[in-house]
Amino acid sequence: MSEKTKLNILWTTGDPITGKFMVFMYANKALEVKWWESVEIILWGATVKLASEDKEIQECIKKSMANGVKISACRACARELGVEKEIENLGVNLDYMGQPLTKILKDNEKLLTI
């Protein structure tokens, strides 16, 4: 897929308000009105822990995935934070994200960092 049709959102803050009212709101709307053909949210660092604990964020994740947003999370973060099972149970793709993020950057894909 062309980098002009895919948006990657790297979400690293542990702030649930930013997650609900920026990350998930934009990702879902962007697909709904076809601003982007594909949107992926990457959870890294504090957001991995937040996603494992916050029920509202978990609902946002489930709704977004149902709407077609791809959601991935850093496996190393989940392992270090002791929340791998919780993230897997949400249906989120766990991966070591260093290489995929490097590819996004080297391929000049669209990347929004929060």
Protein backbone atom coordinates (compact mmCIF):
# COMPACT_ATOMS: atom_id res chain seq x y z
CA MET A 1 0.00 0.00 0.00
CA SER A 2 1.28 3.45 -0.86
CA GLU A 3 2.47 5.60 2.02
CA LYS A 4 0.00 8.21 0.79
CA THR A 5 -2.95 5.99 1.68
CA LYS A 6 -1.81 4.59 5.03
CA LEU A 7 -1.42 6.42 8.33
CA ASN A 8 0.57 5.04 11.25
CA ILE A 9 -0.14 6.53 14.67
CA LEU A 10 2.55 5.92 17.28
CA TRP A 11 0.94 6.47 20.68
CA THR A 12 3.38 6.52 23.59
CA THR A 13 1.75 8.73 26.23
CA GLY A 14 -0.13 7.17 29.12
CA ASP A 15 -2.87 9.79 28.96
CA PRO A 16 -6.32 8.21 28.43
CA ILE A 17 -7.91 11.52 27.46
CA THR A 18 -5.45 11.91 24.58
CA GLY A 19 -6.14 8.33 23.60
CA LYS A 20 -9.92 8.69 23.56
CA PHE A 21 -10.22 12.19 22.14
CA MET A 22 -7.34 12.27 19.68
CA VAL A 23 -5.85 8.88 18.82
CA PHE A 24 -9.00 6.76 18.61
CA MET A 25 -11.30 9.58 17.55
CA TYR A 26 -9.08 10.53 14.62
CA ALA A 27 -8.25 6.95 13.60
CA ASN A 28 -11.92 5.95 13.42
CA LYS A 29 -13.07 9.12 11.68
CA ALA A 30 -10.20 8.92 9.19
CA LEU A 31 -11.36 5.49 8.04
CA GLU A 32 -15.06 6.36 8.16
CA VAL A 33 -14.75 9.37 5.86
CA LYS A 34 -11.89 7.83 3.87
CA TRP A 35 -9.18 10.37 4.67
CA TRP A 36 -6.92 7.30 4.73
CA GLU A 37 -7.41 3.83 3.27
CA SER A 38 -5.63 2.23 6.22
CA VAL A 39 -4.83 3.33 9.76
CA GLU A 40 -2.62 1.54 12.26
CA ILE A 41 -2.23 2.55 15.90
CA ILE A 42 0.99 1.39 17.54
CA LEU A 43 0.91 1.19 21.34
CA TRP A 44 4.35 1.65 22.84
CA GLY A 45 5.57 2.25 26.38
CA ALA A 46 3.03 3.69 28.80
CA THR A 47 0.10 3.04 26.45
CA VAL A 48 0.68 -0.70 26.67
CA LYS A 49 0.16 -0.58 30.44
CA LEU A 50 -2.81 1.78 30.06
CA ALA A 51 -4.45 -0.55 27.53
CA SER A 52 -4.06 -3.49 29.89
CA GLU A 53 -5.79 -1.68 32.79
CA ASP A 54 -8.23 0.96 31.52
CA LYS A 55 -11.66 -0.43 30.59
CA GLU A 56 -12.59 2.64 28.51
CA ILE A 57 -9.39 2.36 26.48
CA GLN A 58 -10.08 -1.36 26.02
CA GLU A 59 -13.51 -0.47 24.63
CA CYS A 60 -11.89 2.07 22.29
CA ILE A 61 -9.49 -0.62 21.09
CA LYS A 62 -12.29 -3.11 20.43
CA LYS A 63 -14.45 -0.52 18.64
CA SER A 64 -11.52 0.67 16.53
CA MET A 65 -10.56 -2.85 15.50
CA ALA A 66 -14.20 -3.55 14.59
CA ASN A 67 -14.08 -0.40 12.42
CA GLY A 68 -10.98 -1.66 10.61
CA VAL A 69 -8.20 0.12 12.48
CA LYS A 70 -5.18 -2.14 12.88
CA ILE A 71 -3.73 -2.03 16.38
CA SER A 72 -0.30 -3.31 17.35
CA ALA A 73 1.64 -3.13 20.59
CA CYS A 74 5.27 -3.43 21.59
CA ARG A 75 5.87 -6.99 22.80
CA ALA A 76 9.01 -5.99 24.72
CA CYS A 77 7.03 -3.32 26.60
CA ALA A 78 4.20 -5.75 27.37
CA ARG A 79 6.67 -8.34 28.62
CA GLU A 80 8.60 -5.86 30.79
CA LEU A 81 5.35 -4.48 32.21
CA GLY A 82 3.95 -7.96 32.82
CA VAL A 83 0.85 -7.45 30.67
CA GLU A 84 1.38 -9.68 27.61
CA LYS A 85 -1.66 -11.87 28.29
CA GLU A 86 -3.94 -8.87 28.87
CA ILE A 87 -2.89 -7.31 25.56
CA GLU A 88 -3.20 -10.60 23.69
CA ASN A 89 -6.69 -11.08 25.18
CA LEU A 90 -7.73 -7.76 23.61
CA GLY A 91 -6.84 -9.15 20.18
CA VAL A 92 -4.03 -6.62 19.73
CA ASN A 93 -1.10 -7.76 17.60
CA LEU A 94 2.02 -7.99 19.79
CA ASP A 95 5.33 -7.54 17.98
CA TYR A 96 8.83 -6.31 18.67
CA MET A 97 8.27 -2.86 17.20
CA GLY A 98 11.80 -1.58 16.65
CA GLN A 99 12.17 -3.08 13.21
CA PRO A 100 8.62 -2.23 12.00
CA LEU A 101 9.00 1.38 13.19
CA THR A 102 12.38 1.64 11.49
CA LYS A 103 10.82 0.37 8.25
CA ILE A 104 8.01 2.95 8.52
CA LEU A 105 10.61 5.71 8.91
CA LYS A 106 12.96 4.47 6.19
CA ASP A 107 10.06 4.00 3.76
CA ASN A 108 8.88 7.56 4.46
CA GLU A 109 5.43 6.36 5.45
CA LYS A 110 3.06 8.77 7.14
CA LEU A 111 3.67 8.70 10.90
CA LEU A 112 1.83 10.69 13.53
CA THR A 113 3.44 10.50 16.97
CA ILE A 114 1.50 11.18 20.15
